[in-house]
Amino acid sequence: MDDRFNDIKHKAQEAIDGCSDLDSLEQIKLEYLSRKGTIAQLFKELSNIPKDKRPSFGKDINSLRELLRFEIDQRADEISTKSPSLEEACDATMPAPRPAVGSVHPITKTLNEICEVFTRMGFAVVEGPEIETEFNNFEALNIPQDHPSREGFDTFYIKDEWLLRSHTSPVQIRYMQENVPPFSIVVPGKVFRPDATDASHSFMFHQVEGLVVSKDINFANLKWALLEFARVYFGKSTKVRFRPHFFPFTEPSVEVDVSCVICGGTGCRVCSQSGWLEILGAGMVDPNVFKAVGIDPDIYNGLAFGMGVERIAMLKYGVDDIRLFYENDLRFLGQF
């Protein structure tokens, strides 16, 4: 039996010493030390050994098992700590890996493109704080005290009169308080509303609003500016329609639709078979807004408009869920 143990030990030692990687060493470990391996088979033979020799036989098996386990562990440490040569570690003929290159987020891209269209028309880009006062966010915009948008379920209040702006219009108020007409501005930025997040709503999103104040501004100027924007941004063949609406800060007010960019106006699932997509709200600045900021409504007229950037991006790129823009899935963002 000693010869048999010596033979197993010799063969195992040769196999262990000949291993050059951890995978092949693991195969040897399975061959000798697993439940069905050589050592396990030796233990099964104990029942065939005379009783007086079983203790000695069992002791020899345990000694062999511990020896093989020690040799395998030691060889694993040697393989793990072995320092490969430069030739082994680096193949100079292999092409270098390409570094990952980032890109502009689709919302930022859309926002920049919208602002660029209007800056070509002579608008200046103006930004303002995201924390606002009730006066700038509501009162100066002719939004009455009992208006639903002033309730806690529609606005993020911080403390006392301070809140997270629910639209970018307060920047227009600040600008009119500090500047003398005439001027033309667009206001991009984040806005916040406590909406439940779903495929078409988010508690944080982006808007771009525009404001023109001068002595000779009329509704025809508003129609021209928005028609020009739609044709530049969505394509020359895009049609635009204006529908009467109501906003507290403009009078008259309209909602603006464009012919569906998906079906070209023939009707599809995206436009609910109507052939039209709503993109923004607009109107002539209400005289009460001018009075709140110290501009004489008998001398000056103004036009204003506002659009949701996420909605514009969803329409242009055919995205049907606003949450995709904020989940940071590189497979989605990489397409832009």
Protein backbone atom coordinates (compact mmCIF):
# COMPACT_ATOMS: atom_id res chain seq x y z
CA MET A 1 0.00 0.00 0.00
CA ASP A 2 2.95 2.34 0.65
CA ASP A 3 3.97 1.86 -2.97
CA ARG A 4 0.48 2.84 -4.11
CA PHE A 5 0.48 6.01 -2.01
CA ASN A 6 3.94 6.88 -3.29
CA ASP A 7 2.80 6.38 -6.85
CA ILE A 8 -0.23 8.66 -6.40
CA LYS A 9 1.94 11.26 -4.66
CA HIS A 10 4.55 11.15 -7.42
CA LYS A 11 2.06 11.51 -10.28
CA ALA A 12 0.20 14.32 -8.50
CA GLN A 13 3.43 16.17 -7.74
CA GLU A 14 4.53 15.98 -11.37
CA ALA A 15 1.17 17.30 -12.53
CA ILE A 16 1.21 20.14 -9.99
CA ASP A 17 4.76 21.20 -10.88
CA GLY A 18 3.86 21.17 -14.58
CA CYS A 19 0.94 23.60 -14.19
CA SER A 20 1.49 27.07 -15.60
CA ASP A 21 -1.93 28.58 -14.95
CA LEU A 22 -4.67 28.47 -12.32
CA ASP A 23 -7.23 26.80 -14.60
CA SER A 24 -5.12 23.68 -15.15
CA LEU A 25 -4.25 23.63 -11.45
CA GLU A 26 -7.96 23.64 -10.62
CA GLN A 27 -8.43 20.56 -12.83
CA ILE A 28 -5.75 18.72 -10.86
CA LYS A 29 -7.42 19.73 -7.61
CA LEU A 30 -10.71 18.27 -8.86
CA GLU A 31 -8.99 15.08 -10.00
CA TYR A 32 -7.43 14.36 -6.61
CA LEU A 33 -9.40 16.24 -3.94
CA SER A 34 -13.01 16.41 -5.14
CA ARG A 35 -15.81 14.20 -3.84
CA LYS A 36 -15.24 11.80 -6.72
CA GLY A 37 -11.48 12.23 -6.87
CA THR A 38 -8.62 9.84 -6.12
CA ILE A 39 -8.49 10.56 -2.38
CA ALA A 40 -12.25 10.03 -2.02
CA GLN A 41 -11.92 6.65 -3.74
CA LEU A 42 -9.20 5.63 -1.28
CA PHE A 43 -11.53 6.40 1.62
CA LYS A 44 -14.18 4.17 0.09
CA GLU A 45 -11.71 1.25 0.27
CA LEU A 46 -11.52 1.48 4.07
CA SER A 47 -14.38 -1.02 4.42
CA ASN A 48 -12.29 -3.64 2.57
CA ILE A 49 -9.25 -3.20 4.81
CA PRO A 50 -8.78 -5.50 7.84
CA LYS A 51 -9.94 -3.80 11.05
CA ASP A 52 -6.52 -3.81 12.61
CA LYS A 53 -5.00 -1.96 9.64
CA ARG A 54 -7.82 0.61 9.08
CA PRO A 55 -6.44 3.27 11.47
CA SER A 56 -3.06 3.20 9.81
CA PHE A 57 -4.60 3.21 6.33
CA GLY A 58 -6.90 6.11 7.17
CA LYS A 59 -4.02 8.07 8.67
CA ASP A 60 -1.97 7.61 5.49
CA ILE A 61 -4.87 8.80 3.33
CA ASN A 62 -5.32 11.94 5.46
CA SER A 63 -1.60 12.65 5.29
CA LEU A 64 -1.62 12.29 1.51
CA ARG A 65 -4.69 14.54 1.18
CA GLU A 66 -3.14 17.28 3.34
CA LEU A 67 0.13 17.05 1.41
CA LEU A 68 -1.57 17.40 -1.97
CA ARG A 69 -3.70 20.27 -0.67
CA PHE A 70 -0.57 22.04 0.59
CA GLU A 71 1.29 21.49 -2.71
CA ILE A 72 -1.66 22.77 -4.77
CA ASP A 73 -2.08 25.90 -2.63
CA GLN A 74 1.63 26.62 -2.74
CA ARG A 75 1.71 26.25 -6.52
CA ALA A 76 -1.33 28.54 -6.84
CA ASP A 77 0.53 31.24 -4.89
CA GLU A 78 3.56 30.84 -7.16
CA ILE A 79 1.47 31.19 -10.30
CA SER A 80 -0.42 34.20 -8.93
CA THR A 81 2.70 36.10 -7.91
CA LYS A 82 4.76 35.22 -10.98
CA SER A 83 5.75 38.42 -12.83
CA PRO A 84 5.39 37.97 -16.59
CA SER A 85 8.12 39.25 -18.83
CA LEU A 86 7.56 42.37 -20.90
CA GLU A 87 7.05 40.25 -24.01
CA GLU A 88 4.42 38.15 -22.26
CA ALA A 89 2.65 41.14 -20.72
CA CYS A 90 2.49 43.37 -23.78
CA ASP A 91 2.04 42.57 -27.44
CA ALA A 92 3.30 45.65 -29.27
CA THR A 93 1.63 44.50 -32.48
CA MET A 94 -1.88 44.66 -30.99
CA PRO A 95 -3.88 47.83 -31.78
CA ALA A 96 -4.35 50.14 -28.80
CA PRO A 97 -7.83 50.13 -27.23
CA ARG A 98 -9.97 53.08 -28.25
CA PRO A 99 -10.81 55.36 -25.32
CA ALA A 100 -14.49 55.89 -24.57
CA VAL A 101 -15.54 59.29 -25.89
CA GLY A 102 -18.50 61.08 -24.35
CA SER A 103 -21.06 63.19 -26.17
CA VAL A 104 -23.49 65.99 -25.42
CA HIS A 105 -26.62 64.81 -23.60
CA PRO A 106 -29.68 64.84 -25.92
CA ILE A 107 -31.52 67.32 -23.70
CA THR A 108 -28.55 69.70 -23.66
CA LYS A 109 -28.19 69.21 -27.41
CA THR A 110 -31.85 70.05 -27.99
CA LEU A 111 -31.74 73.05 -25.67
CA ASN A 112 -28.65 74.44 -27.41
CA GLU A 113 -30.20 73.93 -30.85
CA ILE A 114 -33.40 75.76 -29.86
CA CYS A 115 -31.45 78.70 -28.44
CA GLU A 116 -29.27 78.82 -31.56
CA VAL A 117 -32.31 79.21 -33.81
CA PHE A 118 -33.52 82.21 -31.81
CA THR A 119 -30.09 83.83 -31.43
CA ARG A 120 -29.93 83.91 -35.24
CA MET A 121 -33.11 86.01 -35.09
CA GLY A 122 -31.41 88.46 -32.72
CA PHE A 123 -32.52 87.09 -29.34
CA ALA A 124 -30.11 87.23 -26.39
CA VAL A 125 -29.80 84.18 -24.12
CA VAL A 126 -30.51 85.02 -20.46
CA GLU A 127 -30.44 82.75 -17.40
CA GLY A 128 -31.61 83.18 -13.82
CA PRO A 129 -31.82 81.50 -10.39
CA GLU A 130 -33.73 78.27 -9.87
CA ILE A 131 -34.91 79.39 -6.40
CA GLU A 132 -37.49 82.16 -6.79
CA THR A 133 -39.95 84.32 -4.89
CA GLU A 134 -43.72 83.97 -5.07
CA PHE A 135 -43.88 87.45 -6.55
CA ASN A 136 -41.65 86.65 -9.51
CA ASN A 137 -43.09 83.17 -10.04
CA PHE A 138 -46.79 84.06 -9.69
CA GLU A 139 -47.94 87.57 -8.80
CA ALA A 140 -45.91 89.50 -11.37
CA LEU A 141 -47.17 87.05 -14.00
CA ASN A 142 -50.81 87.90 -13.25
CA ILE A 143 -51.47 84.52 -11.61
CA PRO A 144 -54.14 85.08 -8.92
CA GLN A 145 -53.90 83.87 -5.32
CA ASP A 146 -56.52 81.16 -5.84
CA HIS A 147 -54.93 79.72 -8.97
CA PRO A 148 -54.37 75.91 -8.67
CA SER A 149 -50.72 76.21 -9.71
CA ARG A 150 -49.98 78.03 -6.43
CA GLU A 151 -51.05 75.08 -4.30
CA GLY A 152 -48.49 72.83 -2.62
CA PHE A 153 -49.37 69.89 -4.85
CA ASP A 154 -48.28 71.88 -7.94
CA THR A 155 -45.26 73.83 -6.63
CA PHE A 156 -42.18 72.99 -4.54
CA TYR A 157 -42.23 75.49 -1.66
CA ILE A 158 -39.01 75.89 0.34
CA LYS A 159 -39.73 78.41 3.10
CA ASP A 160 -42.05 81.40 3.41
CA GLU A 161 -42.15 83.09 -0.01
CA TRP A 162 -39.30 81.04 -1.50
CA LEU A 163 -39.87 78.17 -3.91
CA LEU A 164 -38.31 76.19 -6.75
CA ARG A 165 -39.42 77.96 -9.92
CA SER A 166 -42.19 76.14 -11.76
CA HIS A 167 -41.36 77.80 -15.09
CA THR A 168 -38.60 80.02 -16.49
CA SER A 169 -40.93 83.06 -16.74
CA PRO A 170 -39.56 84.58 -13.47
CA VAL A 171 -36.32 85.28 -15.35
CA GLN A 172 -38.35 87.40 -17.77
CA ILE A 173 -39.75 89.32 -14.80
CA ARG A 174 -36.26 89.93 -13.40
CA TYR A 175 -35.00 91.05 -16.81
CA MET A 176 -37.87 93.50 -17.36
CA GLN A 177 -37.31 94.97 -13.87
CA GLU A 178 -33.64 95.65 -14.63
CA ASN A 179 -33.66 96.64 -18.32
CA VAL A 180 -35.32 99.26 -20.48
CA PRO A 181 -37.08 98.13 -23.68
CA PRO A 182 -36.65 97.31 -26.49
CA PHE A 183 -35.15 93.85 -26.01
CA SER A 184 -35.51 90.26 -27.23
CA ILE A 185 -34.47 87.36 -24.98
CA VAL A 186 -34.78 83.60 -24.69
CA VAL A 187 -34.54 81.94 -21.28
CA PRO A 188 -33.40 78.30 -21.06
CA GLY A 189 -33.26 76.37 -17.80
CA LYS A 190 -34.55 73.74 -15.38
CA VAL A 191 -37.98 73.98 -13.78
CA PHE A 192 -39.57 71.94 -11.01
CA ARG A 193 -43.09 70.65 -10.32
CA PRO A 194 -44.17 67.87 -7.93
CA ASP A 195 -45.58 65.68 -10.69
CA ALA A 196 -45.66 61.90 -10.47
CA THR A 197 -43.00 60.50 -12.79
CA ASP A 198 -44.33 58.57 -15.76
CA ALA A 199 -43.69 58.26 -19.51
CA SER A 200 -44.62 61.91 -20.15
CA HIS A 201 -44.03 63.68 -16.80
CA SER A 202 -41.07 64.40 -14.54
CA PHE A 203 -40.64 66.45 -11.36
CA MET A 204 -37.71 68.23 -13.04
CA PHE A 205 -37.59 69.21 -16.71
CA HIS A 206 -36.34 71.99 -18.97
CA GLN A 207 -38.01 74.94 -20.67
CA VAL A 208 -37.05 77.61 -23.15
CA GLU A 209 -39.13 80.79 -23.00
CA GLY A 210 -38.93 83.83 -25.21
CA LEU A 211 -39.84 87.48 -24.68
CA VAL A 212 -39.82 90.48 -27.00
CA VAL A 213 -40.77 93.95 -25.75
CA SER A 214 -40.89 97.01 -28.00
CA LYS A 215 -43.19 99.79 -29.12
CA ASP A 216 -44.17 98.19 -32.40
CA ILE A 217 -44.65 94.50 -31.50
CA ASN A 218 -47.85 92.78 -32.63
CA PHE A 219 -49.31 89.31 -33.07
CA ALA A 220 -47.98 89.07 -36.63
CA ASN A 221 -44.43 89.26 -35.23
CA LEU A 222 -45.22 86.38 -32.88
CA LYS A 223 -46.60 84.24 -35.71
CA TRP A 224 -43.56 84.93 -37.90
CA ALA A 225 -41.04 84.08 -35.15
CA LEU A 226 -42.70 80.78 -34.27
CA LEU A 227 -43.26 79.81 -37.90
CA GLU A 228 -39.60 80.50 -38.63
CA PHE A 229 -38.52 78.45 -35.60
CA ALA A 230 -40.67 75.47 -36.61
CA ARG A 231 -39.42 75.44 -40.18
CA VAL A 232 -35.76 75.81 -39.20
CA TYR A 233 -35.89 73.22 -36.42
CA PHE A 234 -38.32 70.63 -37.83
CA GLY A 235 -37.88 71.23 -41.57
CA LYS A 236 -39.04 73.61 -44.28
CA SER A 237 -42.13 71.55 -45.08
CA THR A 238 -43.44 71.82 -41.50
CA LYS A 239 -46.87 73.37 -41.16
CA VAL A 240 -47.90 75.44 -38.13
CA ARG A 241 -51.32 76.18 -36.68
CA PHE A 242 -52.43 78.44 -33.83
CA ARG A 243 -55.33 77.53 -31.51
CA PRO A 244 -56.96 79.98 -29.06
CA HIS A 245 -56.07 79.26 -25.43
CA PHE A 246 -55.79 80.98 -22.05
CA PHE A 247 -52.70 81.86 -20.02
CA PRO A 248 -52.83 84.38 -17.13
CA PHE A 249 -49.74 86.24 -18.36
CA THR A 250 -50.68 86.67 -22.05
CA GLU A 251 -53.72 88.09 -23.86
CA PRO A 252 -54.58 86.93 -26.45
CA SER A 253 -53.07 83.48 -25.88
CA VAL A 254 -52.57 80.54 -28.23
CA GLU A 255 -51.26 77.00 -28.29
CA VAL A 256 -49.05 76.20 -31.26
CA ASP A 257 -49.07 72.90 -33.15
CA VAL A 258 -46.79 71.62 -35.90
CA SER A 259 -47.52 68.98 -38.49
CA CYS A 260 -46.43 65.60 -37.12
CA VAL A 261 -42.72 65.06 -37.71
CA ILE A 262 -43.23 61.29 -37.70
CA CYS A 263 -45.97 60.87 -40.31
CA GLY A 264 -45.75 64.24 -42.06
CA GLY A 265 -49.31 65.10 -41.08
CA THR A 266 -51.05 62.02 -42.48
CA GLY A 267 -51.88 60.62 -39.03
CA CYS A 268 -50.08 58.08 -36.85
CA ARG A 269 -49.94 56.70 -33.30
CA VAL A 270 -47.65 59.51 -32.10
CA CYS A 271 -50.07 62.28 -33.13
CA SER A 272 -53.18 60.24 -32.26
CA GLN A 273 -54.11 60.16 -35.95
CA SER A 274 -54.64 63.95 -35.93
CA GLY A 275 -51.58 64.86 -37.97
CA TRP A 276 -50.64 67.61 -35.46
CA LEU A 277 -48.34 67.84 -32.44
CA GLU A 278 -48.55 70.54 -29.76
CA ILE A 279 -45.13 72.09 -29.12
CA LEU A 280 -45.61 75.34 -27.15
CA GLY A 281 -47.82 78.06 -25.72
CA ALA A 282 -47.59 81.75 -26.65
CA GLY A 283 -49.35 85.10 -26.70
CA MET A 284 -49.09 88.84 -26.31
CA VAL A 285 -47.87 89.98 -22.89
CA ASP A 286 -50.78 90.93 -20.61
CA PRO A 287 -50.74 94.65 -19.58
CA ASN A 288 -50.89 93.60 -15.91
CA VAL A 289 -47.48 91.94 -16.28
CA PHE A 290 -45.99 95.17 -17.62
CA LYS A 291 -47.51 97.13 -14.73
CA ALA A 292 -45.98 94.70 -12.19
CA VAL A 293 -42.46 95.36 -13.51
CA GLY A 294 -42.80 99.09 -14.10
CA ILE A 295 -43.19 99.14 -17.91
CA ASP A 296 -45.91 101.36 -19.36
CA PRO A 297 -48.36 99.11 -21.29
CA ASP A 298 -49.67 102.17 -23.17
CA ILE A 299 -46.24 102.62 -24.77
CA TYR A 300 -44.86 99.10 -25.08
CA ASN A 301 -46.21 95.80 -26.39
CA GLY A 302 -44.65 92.38 -25.97
CA LEU A 303 -44.85 88.83 -27.17
CA ALA A 304 -43.95 85.72 -25.18
CA PHE A 305 -43.72 81.99 -25.78
CA GLY A 306 -42.56 78.91 -23.91
CA MET A 307 -41.81 75.29 -24.77
CA GLY A 308 -40.77 72.11 -22.96
CA VAL A 309 -37.35 70.95 -24.13
CA GLU A 310 -37.99 67.29 -23.30
CA ARG A 311 -41.18 67.31 -25.36
CA ILE A 312 -39.36 68.84 -28.34
CA ALA A 313 -36.60 66.22 -28.03
CA MET A 314 -39.13 63.38 -27.79
CA LEU A 315 -40.90 64.60 -30.93
CA LYS A 316 -37.71 65.13 -32.92
CA TYR A 317 -36.03 61.84 -32.00
CA GLY A 318 -39.14 59.65 -31.71
CA VAL A 319 -38.63 58.91 -27.99
CA ASP A 320 -41.82 57.74 -26.26
CA ASP A 321 -40.71 57.84 -22.60
CA ILE A 322 -39.23 60.93 -20.90
CA ARG A 323 -37.57 58.75 -18.24
CA LEU A 324 -35.09 57.43 -20.81
CA PHE A 325 -33.35 60.82 -20.80
CA TYR A 326 -32.49 60.51 -17.09
CA GLU A 327 -31.76 56.81 -16.53
CA ASN A 328 -28.13 57.22 -17.71
CA ASP A 329 -28.28 54.10 -19.87
CA LEU A 330 -25.25 54.46 -22.15
CA ARG A 331 -26.89 52.27 -24.77
CA PHE A 332 -29.60 54.93 -25.13
CA LEU A 333 -27.40 58.01 -24.73
CA GLY A 334 -24.82 56.62 -27.18
CA GLN A 335 -27.33 56.96 -30.02
CA PHE A 336 -27.07 60.75 -29.87
